[in-house]
Amino acid sequence: MDAAPGQASEENVRDLIDIPAVEVITKSAVMLMSSAAEKLGLAEGSDPDTVDLPEARALITALAGLVVASLGDLGLHRKPLQDGLRALQLAFREASAYPDEPGEGPGEQFTGPVKG
């Protein structure tokens, strides 16, 4: 028998209640990181012609905001997420034909200037 309208979303909400905040934040960050890496052409077997720097910029900036806003809640996940963010920021700078000025790169309004 099919679920009543709205029942499926209530079940999803109940499931989310059981998931610790750090896990939701970390999974969100990993998704942003993975997508940014794809847009930068860093994924295995990626085609250099599919690099999309404007999309990567948006994803890295969102990641930086999430990571910086969540630093106090990340526990053991803090350092790996910060390192991954920094690596993406540096990869973006390297992929850019005209790199941004220090402090102007993606997410640097949250993290400060990133140097290689």
PDB file of N, CA and C in Angstrom:
ATOM      1  N   MET A   1       0.841  -1.169   0.000  1.00  0.00           N
ATOM      2  CA  MET A   1       0.000   0.000   0.000  1.00  0.00           C
ATOM      3  C   MET A   1       0.889   1.236   0.000  1.00  0.00           C
ATOM      4  N   ASP A   2       0.522   2.258  -0.773  1.00  0.00           N
ATOM      5  CA  ASP A   2       1.299   3.487  -0.870  1.00  0.00           C
ATOM      6  C   ASP A   2       1.200   4.287   0.413  1.00  0.00           C
ATOM      7  N   ALA A   3       2.286   5.006   0.709  1.00  0.00           N
ATOM      8  CA  ALA A   3       2.309   5.860   1.903  1.00  0.00           C
ATOM      9  C   ALA A   3       1.388   7.051   1.703  1.00  0.00           C
ATOM     10  N   ALA A   4       0.829   7.513   2.780  1.00  0.00           N
ATOM     11  CA  ALA A   4      -0.033   8.700   2.735  1.00  0.00           C
ATOM     12  C   ALA A   4       0.810   9.913   2.372  1.00  0.00           C
ATOM     13  N   PRO A   5       0.176  10.918   1.726  1.00  0.00           N
ATOM     14  CA  PRO A   5       0.927  12.132   1.389  1.00  0.00           C
ATOM     15  C   PRO A   5       1.580  12.713   2.640  1.00  0.00           C
ATOM     16  N   GLY A   6       2.854  13.074   2.517  1.00  0.00           N
ATOM     17  CA  GLY A   6       3.592  13.649   3.625  1.00  0.00           C
ATOM     18  C   GLY A   6       4.252  12.640   4.535  1.00  0.00           C
ATOM     19  N   GLN A   7       3.843  11.375   4.454  1.00  0.00           N
ATOM     20  CA  GLN A   7       4.401  10.356   5.351  1.00  0.00           C
ATOM     21  C   GLN A   7       5.882  10.107   5.073  1.00  0.00           C
ATOM     22  N   ALA A   8       6.257  10.042   3.805  1.00  0.00           N
ATOM     23  CA  ALA A   8       7.653   9.785   3.464  1.00  0.00           C
ATOM     24  C   ALA A   8       8.550  10.882   4.015  1.00  0.00           C
ATOM     25  N   SER A   9       8.136  12.146   3.901  1.00  0.00           N
ATOM     26  CA  SER A   9       8.967  13.223   4.410  1.00  0.00           C
ATOM     27  C   SER A   9       9.052  13.166   5.934  1.00  0.00           C
ATOM     28  N   GLU A  10       7.997  12.746   6.615  1.00  0.00           N
ATOM     29  CA  GLU A  10       8.047  12.607   8.067  1.00  0.00           C
ATOM     30  C   GLU A  10       9.031  11.505   8.459  1.00  0.00           C
ATOM     31  N   GLU A  11       9.084  10.425   7.691  1.00  0.00           N
ATOM     32  CA  GLU A  11      10.037   9.355   7.976  1.00  0.00           C
ATOM     33  C   GLU A  11      11.465   9.862   7.791  1.00  0.00           C
ATOM     34  N   ASN A  12      11.698  10.658   6.753  1.00  0.00           N
ATOM     35  CA  ASN A  12      13.032  11.218   6.523  1.00  0.00           C
ATOM     36  C   ASN A  12      13.430  12.141   7.665  1.00  0.00           C
ATOM     37  N   VAL A  13      12.489  12.940   8.159  1.00  0.00           N
ATOM     38  CA  VAL A  13      12.781  13.841   9.260  1.00  0.00           C
ATOM     39  C   VAL A  13      13.154  13.039  10.493  1.00  0.00           C
ATOM     40  N   ARG A  14      12.428  11.999  10.770  1.00  0.00           N
ATOM     41  CA  ARG A  14      12.760  11.151  11.920  1.00  0.00           C
ATOM     42  C   ARG A  14      14.157  10.566  11.774  1.00  0.00           C
ATOM     43  N   ASP A  15      14.519  10.171  10.573  1.00  0.00           N
ATOM     44  CA  ASP A  15      15.857   9.635  10.350  1.00  0.00           C
ATOM     45  C   ASP A  15      16.919  10.702  10.622  1.00  0.00           C
ATOM     46  N   LEU A  16      16.690  11.917  10.174  1.00  0.00           N
ATOM     47  CA  LEU A  16      17.651  12.995  10.379  1.00  0.00           C
ATOM     48  C   LEU A  16      17.823  13.329  11.857  1.00  0.00           C
ATOM     49  N   ILE A  17      16.789  13.139  12.629  1.00  0.00           N
ATOM     50  CA  ILE A  17      16.868  13.407  14.064  1.00  0.00           C
ATOM     51  C   ILE A  17      17.927  12.525  14.714  1.00  0.00           C
ATOM     52  N   ASP A  18      18.115  11.339  14.188  1.00  0.00           N
ATOM     53  CA  ASP A  18      19.053  10.387  14.772  1.00  0.00           C
ATOM     54  C   ASP A  18      20.508  10.605  14.335  1.00  0.00           C
ATOM     55  N   ILE A  19      20.732  11.484  13.377  1.00  0.00           N
ATOM     56  CA  ILE A  19      22.082  11.696  12.844  1.00  0.00           C
ATOM     57  C   ILE A  19      22.737  12.875  13.568  1.00  0.00           C
ATOM     58  N   PRO A  20      23.919  12.671  14.134  1.00  0.00           N
ATOM     59  CA  PRO A  20      24.611  13.766  14.818  1.00  0.00           C
ATOM     60  C   PRO A  20      24.935  14.914  13.851  1.00  0.00           C
ATOM     61  N   ALA A  21      24.885  16.121  14.365  1.00  0.00           N
ATOM     62  CA  ALA A  21      25.139  17.315  13.551  1.00  0.00           C
ATOM     63  C   ALA A  21      26.489  17.240  12.846  1.00  0.00           C
ATOM     64  N   VAL A  22      27.529  16.785  13.546  1.00  0.00           N
ATOM     65  CA  VAL A  22      28.856  16.727  12.939  1.00  0.00           C
ATOM     66  C   VAL A  22      28.858  15.829  11.709  1.00  0.00           C
ATOM     67  N   GLU A  23      28.065  14.775  11.723  1.00  0.00           N
ATOM     68  CA  GLU A  23      27.996  13.884  10.562  1.00  0.00           C
ATOM     69  C   GLU A  23      27.304  14.565   9.384  1.00  0.00           C
ATOM     70  N   VAL A  24      26.253  15.290   9.641  1.00  0.00           N
ATOM     71  CA  VAL A  24      25.556  16.019   8.567  1.00  0.00           C
ATOM     72  C   VAL A  24      26.475  17.083   7.984  1.00  0.00           C
ATOM     73  N   ILE A  25      27.160  17.816   8.853  1.00  0.00           N
ATOM     74  CA  ILE A  25      28.075  18.866   8.391  1.00  0.00           C
ATOM     75  C   ILE A  25      29.210  18.252   7.574  1.00  0.00           C
ATOM     76  N   THR A  26      29.788  17.182   8.075  1.00  0.00           N
ATOM     77  CA  THR A  26      30.907  16.541   7.384  1.00  0.00           C
ATOM     78  C   THR A  26      30.484  15.985   6.027  1.00  0.00           C
ATOM     79  N   LYS A  27      29.339  15.340   5.976  1.00  0.00           N
ATOM     80  CA  LYS A  27      28.863  14.806   4.693  1.00  0.00           C
ATOM     81  C   LYS A  27      28.601  15.924   3.696  1.00  0.00           C
ATOM     82  N   SER A  28      28.048  17.027   4.173  1.00  0.00           N
ATOM     83  CA  SER A  28      27.814  18.180   3.301  1.00  0.00           C
ATOM     84  C   SER A  28      29.134  18.733   2.783  1.00  0.00           C
ATOM     85  N   ALA A  29      30.120  18.833   3.660  1.00  0.00           N
ATOM     86  CA  ALA A  29      31.434  19.344   3.261  1.00  0.00           C
ATOM     87  C   ALA A  29      32.095  18.423   2.237  1.00  0.00           C
ATOM     88  N   VAL A  30      32.004  17.131   2.449  1.00  0.00           N
ATOM     89  CA  VAL A  30      32.603  16.174   1.513  1.00  0.00           C
ATOM     90  C   VAL A  30      31.929  16.279   0.144  1.00  0.00           C
ATOM     91  N   MET A  31      30.624  16.474   0.126  1.00  0.00           N
ATOM     92  CA  MET A  31      29.930  16.627  -1.154  1.00  0.00           C
ATOM     93  C   MET A  31      30.402  17.900  -1.870  1.00  0.00           C
ATOM     94  N   LEU A  32      30.539  18.997  -1.139  1.00  0.00           N
ATOM     95  CA  LEU A  32      31.038  20.236  -1.735  1.00  0.00           C
ATOM     96  C   LEU A  32      32.469  20.054  -2.238  1.00  0.00           C
ATOM     97  N   MET A  33      33.299  19.375  -1.451  1.00  0.00           N
ATOM     98  CA  MET A  33      34.687  19.136  -1.851  1.00  0.00           C
ATOM     99  C   MET A  33      34.762  18.297  -3.126  1.00  0.00           C
ATOM    100  N   SER A  34      33.994  17.241  -3.160  1.00  0.00           N
ATOM    101  CA  SER A  34      34.006  16.340  -4.318  1.00  0.00           C
ATOM    102  C   SER A  34      33.543  17.063  -5.571  1.00  0.00           C
ATOM    103  N   SER A  35      32.496  17.827  -5.445  1.00  0.00           N
ATOM    104  CA  SER A  35      31.975  18.556  -6.601  1.00  0.00           C
ATOM    105  C   SER A  35      32.984  19.605  -7.075  1.00  0.00           C
ATOM    106  N   ALA A  36      33.608  20.323  -6.136  1.00  0.00           N
ATOM    107  CA  ALA A  36      34.614  21.320  -6.512  1.00  0.00           C
ATOM    108  C   ALA A  36      35.798  20.658  -7.213  1.00  0.00           C
ATOM    109  N   ALA A  37      36.226  19.518  -6.715  1.00  0.00           N
ATOM    110  CA  ALA A  37      37.332  18.796  -7.347  1.00  0.00           C
ATOM    111  C   ALA A  37      36.971  18.397  -8.773  1.00  0.00           C
ATOM    112  N   GLU A  38      35.749  17.943  -8.967  1.00  0.00           N
ATOM    113  CA  GLU A  38      35.280  17.604 -10.323  1.00  0.00           C
ATOM    114  C   GLU A  38      35.331  18.835 -11.230  1.00  0.00           C
ATOM    115  N   LYS A  39      34.825  19.954 -10.726  1.00  0.00           N
ATOM    116  CA  LYS A  39      34.783  21.189 -11.530  1.00  0.00           C
ATOM    117  C   LYS A  39      36.186  21.705 -11.846  1.00  0.00           C
ATOM    118  N   LEU A  40      37.163  21.372 -10.985  1.00  0.00           N
ATOM    119  CA  LEU A  40      38.551  21.781 -11.233  1.00  0.00           C
ATOM    120  C   LEU A  40      39.313  20.782 -12.094  1.00  0.00           C
ATOM    121  N   GLY A  41      38.663  19.673 -12.452  1.00  0.00           N
ATOM    122  CA  GLY A  41      39.306  18.655 -13.271  1.00  0.00           C
ATOM    123  C   GLY A  41      40.289  17.803 -12.491  1.00  0.00           C
ATOM    124  N   LEU A  42      40.114  17.718 -11.172  1.00  0.00           N
ATOM    125  CA  LEU A  42      41.040  16.958 -10.331  1.00  0.00           C
ATOM    126  C   LEU A  42      40.650  15.501 -10.154  1.00  0.00           C
ATOM    127  N   ALA A  43      39.446  15.160 -10.551  1.00  0.00           N
ATOM    128  CA  ALA A  43      38.980  13.784 -10.380  1.00  0.00           C
ATOM    129  C   ALA A  43      39.686  12.871 -11.376  1.00  0.00           C
ATOM    130  N   GLU A  44      39.882  11.627 -10.967  1.00  0.00           N
ATOM    131  CA  GLU A  44      40.547  10.650 -11.822  1.00  0.00           C
ATOM    132  C   GLU A  44      39.801  10.510 -13.143  1.00  0.00           C
ATOM    133  N   GLY A  45      40.540  10.598 -14.238  1.00  0.00           N
ATOM    134  CA  GLY A  45      39.965  10.430 -15.557  1.00  0.00           C
ATOM    135  C   GLY A  45      39.156  11.620 -16.041  1.00  0.00           C
ATOM    136  N   SER A  46      39.235  12.757 -15.347  1.00  0.00           N
ATOM    137  CA  SER A  46      38.435  13.902 -15.778  1.00  0.00           C
ATOM    138  C   SER A  46      39.039  14.540 -17.028  1.00  0.00           C
ATOM    139  N   ASP A  47      38.189  15.115 -17.821  1.00  0.00           N
ATOM    140  CA  ASP A  47      38.550  15.759 -19.074  1.00  0.00           C
ATOM    141  C   ASP A  47      38.900  17.221 -18.787  1.00  0.00           C
ATOM    142  N   PRO A  48      40.097  17.669 -19.138  1.00  0.00           N
ATOM    143  CA  PRO A  48      40.487  19.059 -18.880  1.00  0.00           C
ATOM    144  C   PRO A  48      39.548  20.076 -19.532  1.00  0.00           C
ATOM    145  N   ASP A  49      38.848  19.648 -20.571  1.00  0.00           N
ATOM    146  CA  ASP A  49      37.911  20.553 -21.241  1.00  0.00           C
ATOM    147  C   ASP A  49      36.644  20.792 -20.427  1.00  0.00           C
ATOM    148  N   THR A  50      36.443  20.025 -19.365  1.00  0.00           N
ATOM    149  CA  THR A  50      35.234  20.195 -18.562  1.00  0.00           C
ATOM    150  C   THR A  50      35.468  21.046 -17.313  1.00  0.00           C
ATOM    151  N   VAL A  51      36.663  21.614 -17.170  1.00  0.00           N
ATOM    152  CA  VAL A  51      36.948  22.492 -16.029  1.00  0.00           C
ATOM    153  C   VAL A  51      35.997  23.690 -16.081  1.00  0.00           C
ATOM    154  N   ASP A  52      35.395  23.973 -14.949  1.00  0.00           N
ATOM    155  CA  ASP A  52      34.432  25.083 -14.856  1.00  0.00           C
ATOM    156  C   ASP A  52      34.783  25.905 -13.619  1.00  0.00           C
ATOM    157  N   LEU A  53      35.635  26.908 -13.811  1.00  0.00           N
ATOM    158  CA  LEU A  53      36.119  27.696 -12.683  1.00  0.00           C
ATOM    159  C   LEU A  53      35.027  28.498 -11.971  1.00  0.00           C
ATOM    160  N   PRO A  54      34.066  29.094 -12.668  1.00  0.00           N
ATOM    161  CA  PRO A  54      33.010  29.800 -11.928  1.00  0.00           C
ATOM    162  C   PRO A  54      32.214  28.867 -11.009  1.00  0.00           C
ATOM    163  N   GLU A  55      31.933  27.670 -11.476  1.00  0.00           N
ATOM    164  CA  GLU A  55      31.229  26.698 -10.634  1.00  0.00           C
ATOM    165  C   GLU A  55      32.108  26.266  -9.462  1.00  0.00           C
ATOM    166  N   ALA A  56      33.384  26.025  -9.735  1.00  0.00           N
ATOM    167  CA  ALA A  56      34.312  25.637  -8.672  1.00  0.00           C
ATOM    168  C   ALA A  56      34.417  26.740  -7.629  1.00  0.00           C
ATOM    169  N   ARG A  57      34.454  27.984  -8.075  1.00  0.00           N
ATOM    170  CA  ARG A  57      34.538  29.123  -7.144  1.00  0.00           C
ATOM    171  C   ARG A  57      33.340  29.115  -6.193  1.00  0.00           C
ATOM    172  N   ALA A  58      32.153  28.939  -6.731  1.00  0.00           N
ATOM    173  CA  ALA A  58      30.941  28.943  -5.898  1.00  0.00           C
ATOM    174  C   ALA A  58      30.979  27.804  -4.880  1.00  0.00           C
ATOM    175  N   LEU A  59      31.399  26.637  -5.305  1.00  0.00           N
ATOM    176  CA  LEU A  59      31.450  25.476  -4.413  1.00  0.00           C
ATOM    177  C   LEU A  59      32.508  25.641  -3.322  1.00  0.00           C
ATOM    178  N   ILE A  60      33.673  26.156  -3.690  1.00  0.00           N
ATOM    179  CA  ILE A  60      34.744  26.353  -2.710  1.00  0.00           C
ATOM    180  C   ILE A  60      34.350  27.425  -1.703  1.00  0.00           C
ATOM    181  N   THR A  61      33.696  28.474  -2.169  1.00  0.00           N
ATOM    182  CA  THR A  61      33.249  29.529  -1.260  1.00  0.00           C
ATOM    183  C   THR A  61      32.210  28.988  -0.280  1.00  0.00           C
ATOM    184  N   ALA A  62      31.272  28.183  -0.770  1.00  0.00           N
ATOM    185  CA  ALA A  62      30.269  27.576   0.114  1.00  0.00           C
ATOM    186  C   ALA A  62      30.939  26.645   1.120  1.00  0.00           C
ATOM    187  N   LEU A  63      31.911  25.867   0.659  1.00  0.00           N
ATOM    188  CA  LEU A  63      32.653  24.970   1.542  1.00  0.00           C
ATOM    189  C   LEU A  63      33.379  25.766   2.627  1.00  0.00           C
ATOM    190  N   ALA A  64      34.039  26.840   2.240  1.00  0.00           N
ATOM    191  CA  ALA A  64      34.770  27.655   3.205  1.00  0.00           C
ATOM    192  C   ALA A  64      33.830  28.217   4.265  1.00  0.00           C
ATOM    193  N   GLY A  65      32.674  28.718   3.838  1.00  0.00           N
ATOM    194  CA  GLY A  65      31.706  29.240   4.797  1.00  0.00           C
ATOM    195  C   GLY A  65      31.247  28.174   5.772  1.00  0.00           C
ATOM    196  N   LEU A  66      30.956  27.000   5.256  1.00  0.00           N
ATOM    197  CA  LEU A  66      30.502  25.892   6.100  1.00  0.00           C
ATOM    198  C   LEU A  66      31.592  25.464   7.085  1.00  0.00           C
ATOM    199  N   VAL A  67      32.801  25.276   6.589  1.00  0.00           N
ATOM    200  CA  VAL A  67      33.895  24.805   7.443  1.00  0.00           C
ATOM    201  C   VAL A  67      34.219  25.844   8.520  1.00  0.00           C
ATOM    202  N   VAL A  68      34.360  27.093   8.134  1.00  0.00           N
ATOM    203  CA  VAL A  68      34.711  28.126   9.110  1.00  0.00           C
ATOM    204  C   VAL A  68      33.598  28.296  10.146  1.00  0.00           C
ATOM    205  N   ALA A  69      32.358  28.288   9.707  1.00  0.00           N
ATOM    206  CA  ALA A  69      31.234  28.445  10.639  1.00  0.00           C
ATOM    207  C   ALA A  69      31.119  27.261  11.591  1.00  0.00           C
ATOM    208  N   SER A  70      31.624  26.113  11.194  1.00  0.00           N
ATOM    209  CA  SER A  70      31.462  24.881  11.971  1.00  0.00           C
ATOM    210  C   SER A  70      32.713  24.457  12.722  1.00  0.00           C
ATOM    211  N   LEU A  71      33.768  25.234  12.687  1.00  0.00           N
ATOM    212  CA  LEU A  71      35.043  24.804  13.263  1.00  0.00           C
ATOM    213  C   LEU A  71      34.919  24.286  14.684  1.00  0.00           C
ATOM    214  N   GLY A  72      34.154  24.937  15.509  1.00  0.00           N
ATOM    215  CA  GLY A  72      34.024  24.523  16.896  1.00  0.00           C
ATOM    216  C   GLY A  72      33.284  23.219  17.093  1.00  0.00           C
ATOM    217  N   ASP A  73      32.571  22.767  16.078  1.00  0.00           N
ATOM    218  CA  ASP A  73      31.760  21.557  16.186  1.00  0.00           C
ATOM    219  C   ASP A  73      32.354  20.352  15.468  1.00  0.00           C
ATOM    220  N   LEU A  74      33.455  20.533  14.765  1.00  0.00           N
ATOM    221  CA  LEU A  74      33.958  19.474  13.883  1.00  0.00           C
ATOM    222  C   LEU A  74      34.814  18.416  14.567  1.00  0.00           C
ATOM    223  N   GLY A  75      35.360  18.705  15.721  1.00  0.00           N
ATOM    224  CA  GLY A  75      36.162  17.715  16.430  1.00  0.00           C
ATOM    225  C   GLY A  75      37.293  17.181  15.569  1.00  0.00           C
ATOM    226  N   LEU A  76      37.395  15.857  15.480  1.00  0.00           N
ATOM    227  CA  LEU A  76      38.464  15.207  14.720  1.00  0.00           C
ATOM    228  C   LEU A  76      38.399  15.492  13.223  1.00  0.00           C
ATOM    229  N   HIS A  77      37.270  15.971  12.737  1.00  0.00           N
ATOM    230  CA  HIS A  77      37.094  16.242  11.301  1.00  0.00           C
ATOM    231  C   HIS A  77      37.656  17.608  10.906  1.00  0.00           C
ATOM    232  N   ARG A  78      37.970  18.424  11.893  1.00  0.00           N
ATOM    233  CA  ARG A  78      38.381  19.806  11.633  1.00  0.00           C
ATOM    234  C   ARG A  78      39.600  19.892  10.701  1.00  0.00           C
ATOM    235  N   LYS A  79      40.691  19.243  11.079  1.00  0.00           N
ATOM    236  CA  LYS A  79      41.941  19.346  10.312  1.00  0.00           C
ATOM    237  C   LYS A  79      41.806  18.790   8.891  1.00  0.00           C
ATOM    238  N   PRO A  80      41.239  17.594   8.704  1.00  0.00           N
ATOM    239  CA  PRO A  80      41.095  17.100   7.322  1.00  0.00           C
ATOM    240  C   PRO A  80      40.241  18.008   6.447  1.00  0.00           C
ATOM    241  N   LEU A  81      39.182  18.579   7.010  1.00  0.00           N
ATOM    242  CA  LEU A  81      38.341  19.471   6.210  1.00  0.00           C
ATOM    243  C   LEU A  81      39.072  20.766   5.888  1.00  0.00           C
ATOM    244  N   GLN A  82      39.804  21.302   6.841  1.00  0.00           N
ATOM    245  CA  GLN A  82      40.588  22.508   6.580  1.00  0.00           C
ATOM    246  C   GLN A  82      41.662  22.241   5.530  1.00  0.00           C
ATOM    247  N   ASP A  83      42.324  21.097   5.633  1.00  0.00           N
ATOM    248  CA  ASP A  83      43.362  20.742   4.658  1.00  0.00           C
ATOM    249  C   ASP A  83      42.769  20.564   3.263  1.00  0.00           C
ATOM    250  N   GLY A  84      41.624  19.902   3.180  1.00  0.00           N
ATOM    251  CA  GLY A  84      40.968  19.709   1.890  1.00  0.00           C
ATOM    252  C   GLY A  84      40.537  21.025   1.275  1.00  0.00           C
ATOM    253  N   LEU A  85      39.997  21.905   2.096  1.00  0.00           N
ATOM    254  CA  LEU A  85      39.595  23.228   1.616  1.00  0.00           C
ATOM    255  C   LEU A  85      40.803  23.986   1.087  1.00  0.00           C
ATOM    256  N   ARG A  86      41.879  23.992   1.839  1.00  0.00           N
ATOM    257  CA  ARG A  86      43.094  24.701   1.426  1.00  0.00           C
ATOM    258  C   ARG A  86      43.620  24.127   0.103  1.00  0.00           C
ATOM    259  N   ALA A  87      43.614  22.808  -0.034  1.00  0.00           N
ATOM    260  CA  ALA A  87      44.086  22.177  -1.269  1.00  0.00           C
ATOM    261  C   ALA A  87      43.235  22.607  -2.465  1.00  0.00           C
ATOM    262  N   LEU A  88      41.934  22.698  -2.268  1.00  0.00           N
ATOM    263  CA  LEU A  88      41.059  23.142  -3.361  1.00  0.00           C
ATOM    264  C   LEU A  88      41.304  24.610  -3.699  1.00  0.00           C
ATOM    265  N   GLN A  89      41.512  25.431  -2.677  1.00  0.00           N
ATOM    266  CA  GLN A  89      41.792  26.844  -2.932  1.00  0.00           C
ATOM    267  C   GLN A  89      43.092  26.999  -3.723  1.00  0.00           C
ATOM    268  N   LEU A  90      44.106  26.236  -3.364  1.00  0.00           N
ATOM    269  CA  LEU A  90      45.371  26.301  -4.092  1.00  0.00           C
ATOM    270  C   LEU A  90      45.230  25.756  -5.507  1.00  0.00           C
ATOM    271  N   ALA A  91      44.475  24.680  -5.674  1.00  0.00           N
ATOM    272  CA  ALA A  91      44.243  24.115  -7.008  1.00  0.00           C
ATOM    273  C   ALA A  91      43.492  25.103  -7.887  1.00  0.00           C
ATOM    274  N   PHE A  92      42.556  25.827  -7.298  1.00  0.00           N
ATOM    275  CA  PHE A  92      41.822  26.846  -8.056  1.00  0.00           C
ATOM    276  C   PHE A  92      42.792  27.920  -8.539  1.00  0.00           C
ATOM    277  N   ARG A  93      43.644  28.380  -7.642  1.00  0.00           N
ATOM    278  CA  ARG A  93      44.622  29.417  -8.009  1.00  0.00           C
ATOM    279  C   ARG A  93      45.514  28.926  -9.147  1.00  0.00           C
ATOM    280  N   GLU A  94      45.952  27.675  -9.060  1.00  0.00           N
ATOM    281  CA  GLU A  94      46.816  27.096 -10.084  1.00  0.00           C
ATOM    282  C   GLU A  94      46.092  26.939 -11.425  1.00  0.00           C
ATOM    283  N   ALA A  95      44.808  26.620 -11.371  1.00  0.00           N
ATOM    284  CA  ALA A  95      44.032  26.402 -12.604  1.00  0.00           C
ATOM    285  C   ALA A  95      43.636  27.708 -13.291  1.00  0.00           C
ATOM    286  N   SER A  96      43.731  28.812 -12.582  1.00  0.00           N
ATOM    287  CA  SER A  96      43.295  30.098 -13.128  1.00  0.00           C
ATOM    288  C   SER A  96      44.371  30.713 -14.016  1.00  0.00           C
ATOM    289  N   ALA A  97      43.967  31.140 -15.206  1.00  0.00           N
ATOM    290  CA  ALA A  97      44.898  31.808 -16.109  1.00  0.00           C
ATOM    291  C   ALA A  97      45.363  33.130 -15.503  1.00  0.00           C
ATOM    292  N   TYR A  98      44.464  33.798 -14.789  1.00  0.00           N
ATOM    293  CA  TYR A  98      44.759  35.057 -14.110  1.00  0.00           C
ATOM    294  C   TYR A  98      44.371  34.896 -12.647  1.00  0.00           C
ATOM    295  N   PRO A  99      45.297  34.378 -11.835  1.00  0.00           N
ATOM    296  CA  PRO A  99      44.954  34.115 -10.424  1.00  0.00           C
ATOM    297  C   PRO A  99      44.482  35.366  -9.688  1.00  0.00           C
ATOM    298  N   ASP A 100      43.561  35.160  -8.758  1.00  0.00           N
ATOM    299  CA  ASP A 100      43.048  36.246  -7.932  1.00  0.00           C
ATOM    300  C   ASP A 100      44.160  36.801  -7.051  1.00  0.00           C
ATOM    301  N   GLU A 101      43.992  38.043  -6.641  1.00  0.00           N
ATOM    302  CA  GLU A 101      44.905  38.632  -5.666  1.00  0.00           C
ATOM    303  C   GLU A 101      44.754  37.881  -4.351  1.00  0.00           C
ATOM    304  N   PRO A 102      45.802  37.815  -3.534  1.00  0.00           N
ATOM    305  CA  PRO A 102      45.664  37.169  -2.230  1.00  0.00           C
ATOM    306  C   PRO A 102      44.493  37.762  -1.440  1.00  0.00           C
ATOM    307  N   GLY A 103      43.673  36.890  -0.902  1.00  0.00           N
ATOM    308  CA  GLY A 103      42.495  37.316  -0.159  1.00  0.00           C
ATOM    309  C   GLY A 103      41.242  37.449  -1.010  1.00  0.00           C
ATOM    310  N   GLU A 104      41.395  37.352  -2.336  1.00  0.00           N
ATOM    311  CA  GLU A 104      40.270  37.494  -3.252  1.00  0.00           C
ATOM    312  C   GLU A 104      39.822  36.174  -3.877  1.00  0.00           C
ATOM    313  N   GLY A 105      40.545  35.096  -3.594  1.00  0.00           N
ATOM    314  CA  GLY A 105      40.212  33.794  -4.161  1.00  0.00           C
ATOM    315  C   GLY A 105      38.961  33.214  -3.526  1.00  0.00           C
ATOM    316  N   PRO A 106      38.484  32.096  -4.055  1.00  0.00           N
ATOM    317  CA  PRO A 106      37.253  31.509  -3.528  1.00  0.00           C
ATOM    318  C   PRO A 106      37.369  31.130  -2.053  1.00  0.00           C
ATOM    319  N   GLY A 107      36.439  31.622  -1.270  1.00  0.00           N
ATOM    320  CA  GLY A 107      36.384  31.307   0.151  1.00  0.00           C
ATOM    321  C   GLY A 107      37.350  32.082   1.016  1.00  0.00           C
ATOM    322  N   GLU A 108      38.244  32.865   0.404  1.00  0.00           N
ATOM    323  CA  GLU A 108      39.254  33.557   1.182  1.00  0.00           C
ATOM    324  C   GLU A 108      38.663  34.682   2.043  1.00  0.00           C
ATOM    325  N   GLN A 109      37.441  35.102   1.752  1.00  0.00           N
ATOM    326  CA  GLN A 109      36.794  36.077   2.628  1.00  0.00           C
ATOM    327  C   GLN A 109      36.494  35.443   3.986  1.00  0.00           C
ATOM    328  N   PHE A 110      36.457  34.107   4.031  1.00  0.00           N
ATOM    329  CA  PHE A 110      36.211  33.383   5.277  1.00  0.00           C
ATOM    330  C   PHE A 110      37.511  32.861   5.898  1.00  0.00           C
ATOM    331  N   THR A 111      38.452  32.407   5.063  1.00  0.00           N
ATOM    332  CA  THR A 111      39.655  31.757   5.561  1.00  0.00           C
ATOM    333  C   THR A 111      40.857  32.673   5.649  1.00  0.00           C
ATOM    334  N   GLY A 112      40.798  33.806   4.979  1.00  0.00           N
ATOM    335  CA  GLY A 112      41.969  34.640   4.825  1.00  0.00           C
ATOM    336  C   GLY A 112      42.751  34.164   3.617  1.00  0.00           C
ATOM    337  N   PRO A 113      43.787  34.927   3.231  1.00  0.00           N
ATOM    338  CA  PRO A 113      44.571  34.567   2.048  1.00  0.00           C
ATOM    339  C   PRO A 113      45.207  33.190   2.186  1.00  0.00           C
ATOM    340  N   VAL A 114      45.204  32.449   1.094  1.00  0.00           N
ATOM    341  CA  VAL A 114      45.803  31.121   1.059  1.00  0.00           C
ATOM    342  C   VAL A 114      47.054  31.202   0.214  1.00  0.00           C
ATOM    343  N   LYS A 115      48.164  30.738   0.796  1.00  0.00           N
ATOM    344  CA  LYS A 115      49.445  30.780   0.095  1.00  0.00           C
ATOM    345  C   LYS A 115      49.943  29.363  -0.116  1.00  0.00           C
ATOM    346  N   GLY A 116      50.629  29.168  -1.227  1.00  0.00           N
ATOM    347  CA  GLY A 116      51.155  27.857  -1.579  1.00  0.00           C
ATOM    348  C   GLY A 116      52.404  27.517  -0.968  1.00  0.00           C
TER     349      GLY A 116
END
